């Protein structure tokens, strides 16, 4: 027995879009790590990963760590009034 899903009619609010915009650098960094990991998997079919493949992964992981730390410090600080 199948039930029908209700169509999604909700539109993201401005606050939700702003939250996504704030987190976008972290999302992009996570995608870079994923791309590097996929490249390593595909490299197995072509003789194994090269030093450049591993370097790409390390740099992506480093960027992810820096971005996450930056986002954590930015969101933990109270808003300053200028």
PDB file of N, CA and C in Angstrom:
ATOM      1  N   UNK A   1       0.839  -1.177   0.000  1.00  0.00           N
ATOM      2  CA  UNK A   1       0.000   0.000   0.000  1.00  0.00           C
ATOM      3  C   UNK A   1       0.886   1.242   0.000  1.00  0.00           C
ATOM      4  N   UNK A   2       0.705   2.058  -0.976  1.00  0.00           N
ATOM      5  CA  UNK A   2       1.481   3.301  -1.081  1.00  0.00           C
ATOM      6  C   UNK A   2       0.665   4.479  -0.585  1.00  0.00           C
ATOM      7  N   UNK A   3       1.353   5.339   0.098  1.00  0.00           N
ATOM      8  CA  UNK A   3       0.703   6.582   0.511  1.00  0.00           C
ATOM      9  C   UNK A   3       1.311   7.707  -0.308  1.00  0.00           C
ATOM     10  N   UNK A   4       0.515   8.648  -0.590  1.00  0.00           N
ATOM     11  CA  UNK A   4       0.999   9.789  -1.372  1.00  0.00           C
ATOM     12  C   UNK A   4       1.624  10.808  -0.446  1.00  0.00           C
ATOM     13  N   UNK A   5       2.751  11.311  -0.898  1.00  0.00           N
ATOM     14  CA  UNK A   5       3.422  12.352  -0.134  1.00  0.00           C
ATOM     15  C   UNK A   5       2.826  13.705  -0.477  1.00  0.00           C
ATOM     16  N   UNK A   6       2.702  14.520   0.511  1.00  0.00           N
ATOM     17  CA  UNK A   6       2.192  15.865   0.290  1.00  0.00           C
ATOM     18  C   UNK A   6       3.253  16.677  -0.437  1.00  0.00           C
ATOM     19  N   UNK A   7       2.851  17.466  -1.408  1.00  0.00           N
ATOM     20  CA  UNK A   7       3.838  18.292  -2.114  1.00  0.00           C
ATOM     21  C   UNK A   7       4.430  19.342  -1.169  1.00  0.00           C
ATOM     22  N   UNK A   8       5.691  19.605  -1.385  1.00  0.00           N
ATOM     23  CA  UNK A   8       6.378  20.606  -0.568  1.00  0.00           C
ATOM     24  C   UNK A   8       6.039  21.980  -1.127  1.00  0.00           C
ATOM     25  N   UNK A   9       5.400  22.763  -0.318  1.00  0.00           N
ATOM     26  CA  UNK A   9       5.022  24.106  -0.753  1.00  0.00           C
ATOM     27  C   UNK A   9       5.683  25.185   0.084  1.00  0.00           C
ATOM     28  N   UNK A  10       6.394  24.768   1.120  1.00  0.00           N
ATOM     29  CA  UNK A  10       7.047  25.751   1.990  1.00  0.00           C
ATOM     30  C   UNK A  10       8.272  26.332   1.290  1.00  0.00           C
ATOM     31  N   UNK A  11       8.427  27.605   1.427  1.00  0.00           N
ATOM     32  CA  UNK A  11       9.574  28.313   0.867  1.00  0.00           C
ATOM     33  C   UNK A  11      10.480  28.680   2.033  1.00  0.00           C
ATOM     34  N   UNK A  12      11.796  28.536   1.859  1.00  0.00           N
ATOM     35  CA  UNK A  12      12.692  28.896   2.961  1.00  0.00           C
ATOM     36  C   UNK A  12      12.529  30.363   3.349  1.00  0.00           C
ATOM     37  N   UNK A  13      12.601  30.587   4.628  1.00  0.00           N
ATOM     38  CA  UNK A  13      12.490  31.963   5.112  1.00  0.00           C
ATOM     39  C   UNK A  13      13.806  32.694   4.880  1.00  0.00           C
ATOM     40  N   UNK A  14      13.770  33.974   5.051  1.00  0.00           N
ATOM     41  CA  UNK A  14      14.989  34.779   4.891  1.00  0.00           C
ATOM     42  C   UNK A  14      16.034  34.373   5.928  1.00  0.00           C
ATOM     43  N   UNK A  15      15.591  34.037   7.137  1.00  0.00           N
ATOM     44  CA  UNK A  15      16.525  33.623   8.185  1.00  0.00           C
ATOM     45  C   UNK A  15      17.178  32.290   7.830  1.00  0.00           C
ATOM     46  N   UNK A  16      16.411  31.367   7.270  1.00  0.00           N
ATOM     47  CA  UNK A  16      16.971  30.078   6.863  1.00  0.00           C
ATOM     48  C   UNK A  16      17.975  30.250   5.732  1.00  0.00           C
ATOM     49  N   UNK A  17      17.657  31.097   4.782  1.00  0.00           N
ATOM     50  CA  UNK A  17      18.590  31.361   3.684  1.00  0.00           C
ATOM     51  C   UNK A  17      19.857  32.049   4.187  1.00  0.00           C
ATOM     52  N   UNK A  18      19.712  32.926   5.159  1.00  0.00           N
ATOM     53  CA  UNK A  18      20.881  33.591   5.740  1.00  0.00           C
ATOM     54  C   UNK A  18      21.761  32.588   6.474  1.00  0.00           C
ATOM     55  N   UNK A  19      21.140  31.630   7.169  1.00  0.00           N
ATOM     56  CA  UNK A  19      21.911  30.601   7.876  1.00  0.00           C
ATOM     57  C   UNK A  19      22.679  29.728   6.890  1.00  0.00           C
ATOM     58  N   UNK A  20      22.048  29.393   5.783  1.00  0.00           N
ATOM     59  CA  UNK A  20      22.730  28.612   4.745  1.00  0.00           C
ATOM     60  C   UNK A  20      23.893  29.407   4.172  1.00  0.00           C
ATOM     61  N   UNK A  21      23.667  30.683   3.959  1.00  0.00           N
ATOM     62  CA  UNK A  21      24.715  31.548   3.410  1.00  0.00           C
ATOM     63  C   UNK A  21      25.919  31.622   4.351  1.00  0.00           C
ATOM     64  N   UNK A  22      25.667  31.657   5.653  1.00  0.00           N
ATOM     65  CA  UNK A  22      26.749  31.699   6.632  1.00  0.00           C
ATOM     66  C   UNK A  22      27.533  30.390   6.614  1.00  0.00           C
ATOM     67  N   UNK A  23      26.824  29.265   6.459  1.00  0.00           N
ATOM     68  CA  UNK A  23      27.474  27.954   6.499  1.00  0.00           C
ATOM     69  C   UNK A  23      28.017  27.516   5.146  1.00  0.00           C
ATOM     70  N   UNK A  24      27.778  28.272   4.094  1.00  0.00           N
ATOM     71  CA  UNK A  24      28.192  27.833   2.767  1.00  0.00           C
ATOM     72  C   UNK A  24      29.694  27.555   2.636  1.00  0.00           C
ATOM     73  N   UNK A  25      30.590  28.355   3.205  1.00  0.00           N
ATOM     74  CA  UNK A  25      32.015  28.015   3.105  1.00  0.00           C
ATOM     75  C   UNK A  25      32.332  26.631   3.681  1.00  0.00           C
ATOM     76  N   UNK A  26      31.656  26.252   4.757  1.00  0.00           N
ATOM     77  CA  UNK A  26      31.857  24.927   5.341  1.00  0.00           C
ATOM     78  C   UNK A  26      31.333  23.843   4.417  1.00  0.00           C
ATOM     79  N   UNK A  27      30.185  24.069   3.817  1.00  0.00           N
ATOM     80  CA  UNK A  27      29.620  23.108   2.873  1.00  0.00           C
ATOM     81  C   UNK A  27      30.556  22.931   1.681  1.00  0.00           C
ATOM     82  N   UNK A  28      31.088  24.024   1.168  1.00  0.00           N
ATOM     83  CA  UNK A  28      32.007  23.953   0.025  1.00  0.00           C
ATOM     84  C   UNK A  28      33.283  23.201   0.395  1.00  0.00           C
ATOM     85  N   UNK A  29      33.790  23.429   1.604  1.00  0.00           N
ATOM     86  CA  UNK A  29      34.999  22.722   2.056  1.00  0.00           C
ATOM     87  C   UNK A  29      34.733  21.227   2.191  1.00  0.00           C
ATOM     88  N   UNK A  30      33.547  20.858   2.693  1.00  0.00           N
ATOM     89  CA  UNK A  30      33.192  19.441   2.799  1.00  0.00           C
ATOM     90  C   UNK A  30      33.085  18.799   1.415  1.00  0.00           C
ATOM     91  N   UNK A  31      32.561  19.537   0.449  1.00  0.00           N
ATOM     92  CA  UNK A  31      32.476  19.016  -0.919  1.00  0.00           C
ATOM     93  C   UNK A  31      33.862  18.827  -1.525  1.00  0.00           C
ATOM     94  N   UNK A  32      34.803  19.710  -1.198  1.00  0.00           N
ATOM     95  CA  UNK A  32      36.178  19.559  -1.684  1.00  0.00           C
ATOM     96  C   UNK A  32      36.823  18.291  -1.129  1.00  0.00           C
ATOM     97  N   UNK A  33      36.573  17.997   0.148  1.00  0.00           N
ATOM     98  CA  UNK A  33      37.098  16.763   0.745  1.00  0.00           C
ATOM     99  C   UNK A  33      36.475  15.560   0.045  1.00  0.00           C
ATOM    100  N   UNK A  34      35.191  15.615  -0.179  1.00  0.00           N
ATOM    101  CA  UNK A  34      34.505  14.515  -0.862  1.00  0.00           C
ATOM    102  C   UNK A  34      35.062  14.306  -2.264  1.00  0.00           C
ATOM    103  N   UNK A  35      35.286  15.380  -2.995  1.00  0.00           N
ATOM    104  CA  UNK A  35      35.865  15.272  -4.345  1.00  0.00           C
ATOM    105  C   UNK A  35      37.254  14.636  -4.308  1.00  0.00           C
ATOM    106  N   UNK A  36      38.057  15.026  -3.328  1.00  0.00           N
ATOM    107  CA  UNK A  36      39.405  14.457  -3.204  1.00  0.00           C
ATOM    108  C   UNK A  36      39.340  12.975  -2.858  1.00  0.00           C
ATOM    109  N   UNK A  37      38.399  12.601  -1.997  1.00  0.00           N
ATOM    110  CA  UNK A  37      38.244  11.191  -1.644  1.00  0.00           C
ATOM    111  C   UNK A  37      37.776  10.368  -2.842  1.00  0.00           C
ATOM    112  N   UNK A  38      36.886  10.917  -3.624  1.00  0.00           N
ATOM    113  CA  UNK A  38      36.426  10.223  -4.826  1.00  0.00           C
ATOM    114  C   UNK A  38      37.575  10.051  -5.812  1.00  0.00           C
ATOM    115  N   UNK A  39      38.407  11.073  -5.942  1.00  0.00           N
ATOM    116  CA  UNK A  39      39.565  10.975  -6.829  1.00  0.00           C
ATOM    117  C   UNK A  39      40.499   9.853  -6.385  1.00  0.00           C
ATOM    118  N   UNK A  40      40.652   9.678  -5.064  1.00  0.00           N
ATOM    119  CA  UNK A  40      41.484   8.590  -4.553  1.00  0.00           C
ATOM    120  C   UNK A  40      40.892   7.226  -4.908  1.00  0.00           C
ATOM    121  N   UNK A  41      39.585   7.116  -4.804  1.00  0.00           N
ATOM    122  CA  UNK A  41      38.928   5.856  -5.152  1.00  0.00           C
ATOM    123  C   UNK A  41      39.123   5.536  -6.625  1.00  0.00           C
ATOM    124  N   UNK A  42      38.922   6.513  -7.487  1.00  0.00           N
ATOM    125  CA  UNK A  42      39.099   6.295  -8.921  1.00  0.00           C
ATOM    126  C   UNK A  42      40.557   6.042  -9.291  1.00  0.00           C
ATOM    127  N   UNK A  43      41.476   6.591  -8.510  1.00  0.00           N
ATOM    128  CA  UNK A  43      42.896   6.397  -8.798  1.00  0.00           C
ATOM    129  C   UNK A  43      43.302   4.935  -8.635  1.00  0.00           C
ATOM    130  N   UNK A  44      42.589   4.193  -7.804  1.00  0.00           N
ATOM    131  CA  UNK A  44      42.883   2.766  -7.642  1.00  0.00           C
ATOM    132  C   UNK A  44      42.758   2.018  -8.969  1.00  0.00           C
ATOM    133  N   UNK A  45      41.876   2.475  -9.838  1.00  0.00           N
ATOM    134  CA  UNK A  45      41.684   1.842 -11.146  1.00  0.00           C
ATOM    135  C   UNK A  45      42.806   2.172 -12.124  1.00  0.00           C
ATOM    136  N   UNK A  46      43.614   3.165 -11.793  1.00  0.00           N
ATOM    137  CA  UNK A  46      44.666   3.619 -12.705  1.00  0.00           C
ATOM    138  C   UNK A  46      46.048   3.521 -12.077  1.00  0.00           C
ATOM    139  N   UNK A  47      46.273   2.481 -11.309  1.00  0.00           N
ATOM    140  CA  UNK A  47      47.601   2.272 -10.742  1.00  0.00           C
ATOM    141  C   UNK A  47      47.794   2.816  -9.346  1.00  0.00           C
ATOM    142  N   UNK A  48      46.779   3.343  -8.750  1.00  0.00           N
ATOM    143  CA  UNK A  48      46.886   3.844  -7.384  1.00  0.00           C
ATOM    144  C   UNK A  48      47.031   5.349  -7.331  1.00  0.00           C
ATOM    145  N   UNK A  49      46.722   5.908  -6.166  1.00  0.00           N
ATOM    146  CA  UNK A  49      46.804   7.358  -6.017  1.00  0.00           C
ATOM    147  C   UNK A  49      48.245   7.852  -6.074  1.00  0.00           C
ATOM    148  N   UNK A  50      48.411   9.013  -6.628  1.00  0.00           N
ATOM    149  CA  UNK A  50      49.726   9.642  -6.709  1.00  0.00           C
ATOM    150  C   UNK A  50      49.938  10.534  -5.489  1.00  0.00           C
ATOM    151  N   UNK A  51      51.139  11.041  -5.370  1.00  0.00           N
ATOM    152  CA  UNK A  51      51.439  11.976  -4.282  1.00  0.00           C
ATOM    153  C   UNK A  51      50.560  13.223  -4.402  1.00  0.00           C
ATOM    154  N   UNK A  52      50.248  13.617  -5.620  1.00  0.00           N
ATOM    155  CA  UNK A  52      49.398  14.784  -5.836  1.00  0.00           C
ATOM    156  C   UNK A  52      47.971  14.524  -5.345  1.00  0.00           C
ATOM    157  N   UNK A  53      47.475  13.300  -5.551  1.00  0.00           N
ATOM    158  CA  UNK A  53      46.139  12.953  -5.053  1.00  0.00           C
ATOM    159  C   UNK A  53      46.078  13.059  -3.530  1.00  0.00           C
ATOM    160  N   UNK A  54      47.105  12.532  -2.855  1.00  0.00           N
ATOM    161  CA  UNK A  54      47.140  12.598  -1.394  1.00  0.00           C
ATOM    162  C   UNK A  54      47.290  14.041  -0.913  1.00  0.00           C
ATOM    163  N   UNK A  55      48.076  14.818  -1.642  1.00  0.00           N
ATOM    164  CA  UNK A  55      48.277  16.227  -1.274  1.00  0.00           C
ATOM    165  C   UNK A  55      46.960  16.995  -1.393  1.00  0.00           C
ATOM    166  N   UNK A  56      46.197  16.700  -2.455  1.00  0.00           N
ATOM    167  CA  UNK A  56      44.902  17.343  -2.646  1.00  0.00           C
ATOM    168  C   UNK A  56      43.969  17.028  -1.475  1.00  0.00           C
ATOM    169  N   UNK A  57      43.986  15.770  -1.026  1.00  0.00           N
ATOM    170  CA  UNK A  57      43.144  15.385   0.106  1.00  0.00           C
ATOM    171  C   UNK A  57      43.586  16.109   1.376  1.00  0.00           C
ATOM    172  N   UNK A  58      44.887  16.152   1.644  1.00  0.00           N
ATOM    173  CA  UNK A  58      45.379  16.825   2.852  1.00  0.00           C
ATOM    174  C   UNK A  58      45.020  18.308   2.843  1.00  0.00           C
ATOM    175  N   UNK A  59      45.163  18.945   1.689  1.00  0.00           N
ATOM    176  CA  UNK A  59      44.823  20.366   1.607  1.00  0.00           C
ATOM    177  C   UNK A  59      43.333  20.598   1.814  1.00  0.00           C
ATOM    178  N   UNK A  60      42.513  19.721   1.245  1.00  0.00           N
ATOM    179  CA  UNK A  60      41.060  19.847   1.415  1.00  0.00           C
ATOM    180  C   UNK A  60      40.673  19.643   2.874  1.00  0.00           C
ATOM    181  N   UNK A  61      41.292  18.664   3.537  1.00  0.00           N
ATOM    182  CA  UNK A  61      41.003  18.432   4.952  1.00  0.00           C
ATOM    183  C   UNK A  61      41.466  19.607   5.807  1.00  0.00           C
ATOM    184  N   UNK A  62      42.596  20.173   5.458  1.00  0.00           N
ATOM    185  CA  UNK A  62      43.107  21.326   6.186  1.00  0.00           C
ATOM    186  C   UNK A  62      42.169  22.520   6.024  1.00  0.00           C
ATOM    187  N   UNK A  63      41.705  22.730   4.807  1.00  0.00           N
ATOM    188  CA  UNK A  63      40.765  23.829   4.553  1.00  0.00           C
ATOM    189  C   UNK A  63      39.468  23.610   5.322  1.00  0.00           C
ATOM    190  N   UNK A  64      39.003  22.373   5.369  1.00  0.00           N
ATOM    191  CA  UNK A  64      37.793  22.061   6.113  1.00  0.00           C
ATOM    192  C   UNK A  64      37.968  22.370   7.591  1.00  0.00           C
ATOM    193  N   UNK A  65      39.093  22.002   8.150  1.00  0.00           N
ATOM    194  CA  UNK A  65      39.363  22.263   9.563  1.00  0.00           C
ATOM    195  C   UNK A  65      39.406  23.762   9.847  1.00  0.00           C
ATOM    196  N   UNK A  66      40.116  24.509   8.993  1.00  0.00           N
ATOM    197  CA  UNK A  66      40.198  25.964   9.180  1.00  0.00           C
ATOM    198  C   UNK A  66      38.825  26.608   9.057  1.00  0.00           C
ATOM    199  N   UNK A  67      38.055  26.183   8.082  1.00  0.00           N
ATOM    200  CA  UNK A  67      36.733  26.768   7.858  1.00  0.00           C
ATOM    201  C   UNK A  67      35.799  26.461   9.019  1.00  0.00           C
ATOM    202  N   UNK A  68      35.840  25.229   9.514  1.00  0.00           N
ATOM    203  CA  UNK A  68      34.991  24.861  10.651  1.00  0.00           C
ATOM    204  C   UNK A  68      35.372  25.657  11.895  1.00  0.00           C
ATOM    205  N   UNK A  69      36.666  25.821  12.120  1.00  0.00           N
ATOM    206  CA  UNK A  69      37.116  26.601  13.278  1.00  0.00           C
ATOM    207  C   UNK A  69      36.701  28.056  13.148  1.00  0.00           C
ATOM    208  N   UNK A  70      36.834  28.606  11.944  1.00  0.00           N
ATOM    209  CA  UNK A  70      36.435  29.996  11.706  1.00  0.00           C
ATOM    210  C   UNK A  70      34.938  30.170  11.933  1.00  0.00           C
ATOM    211  N   UNK A  71      34.157  29.248  11.424  1.00  0.00           N
ATOM    212  CA  UNK A  71      32.712  29.331  11.594  1.00  0.00           C
ATOM    213  C   UNK A  71      32.330  29.193  13.066  1.00  0.00           C
ATOM    214  N   UNK A  72      33.001  28.316  13.792  1.00  0.00           N
ATOM    215  CA  UNK A  72      32.706  28.125  15.214  1.00  0.00           C
ATOM    216  C   UNK A  72      33.026  29.383  16.017  1.00  0.00           C
ATOM    217  N   UNK A  73      34.133  30.035  15.704  1.00  0.00           N
ATOM    218  CA  UNK A  73      34.477  31.250  16.451  1.00  0.00           C
ATOM    219  C   UNK A  73      33.565  32.407  16.074  1.00  0.00           C
ATOM    220  N   UNK A  74      33.164  32.446  14.803  1.00  0.00           N
ATOM    221  CA  UNK A  74      32.265  33.522  14.377  1.00  0.00           C
ATOM    222  C   UNK A  74      30.889  33.389  15.008  1.00  0.00           C
ATOM    223  N   UNK A  75      30.381  32.165  15.106  1.00  0.00           N
ATOM    224  CA  UNK A  75      29.036  31.987  15.646  1.00  0.00           C
ATOM    225  C   UNK A  75      29.008  32.013  17.161  1.00  0.00           C
ATOM    226  N   UNK A  76      30.155  31.782  17.811  1.00  0.00           N
ATOM    227  CA  UNK A  76      30.178  31.793  19.267  1.00  0.00           C
ATOM    228  C   UNK A  76      30.387  33.206  19.834  1.00  0.00           C
ATOM    229  N   UNK A  77      30.893  34.103  19.020  1.00  0.00           N
ATOM    230  CA  UNK A  77      31.109  35.474  19.485  1.00  0.00           C
ATOM    231  C   UNK A  77      29.785  36.221  19.477  1.00  0.00           C
ATOM    232  N   UNK A  78      29.525  37.006  20.516  1.00  0.00           N
ATOM    233  CA  UNK A  78      28.307  37.826  20.498  1.00  0.00           C
ATOM    234  C   UNK A  78      28.419  38.908  19.434  1.00  0.00           C
ATOM    235  N   UNK A  79      27.282  39.295  18.900  1.00  0.00           N
ATOM    236  CA  UNK A  79      27.298  40.351  17.883  1.00  0.00           C
ATOM    237  C   UNK A  79      27.784  41.648  18.514  1.00  0.00           C
ATOM    238  N   UNK A  80      28.723  42.243  17.830  1.00  0.00           N
ATOM    239  CA  UNK A  80      29.280  43.504  18.344  1.00  0.00           C
ATOM    240  C   UNK A  80      28.546  44.670  17.703  1.00  0.00           C
ATOM    241  N   UNK A  81      28.244  45.645  18.512  1.00  0.00           N
ATOM    242  CA  UNK A  81      27.592  46.841  18.015  1.00  0.00           C
ATOM    243  C   UNK A  81      28.686  47.859  17.709  1.00  0.00           C
ATOM    244  N   UNK A  82      28.693  48.355  16.504  1.00  0.00           N
ATOM    245  CA  UNK A  82      29.738  49.298  16.112  1.00  0.00           C
ATOM    246  C   UNK A  82      29.406  50.702  16.531  1.00  0.00           C
TER     247      UNK A  82
END
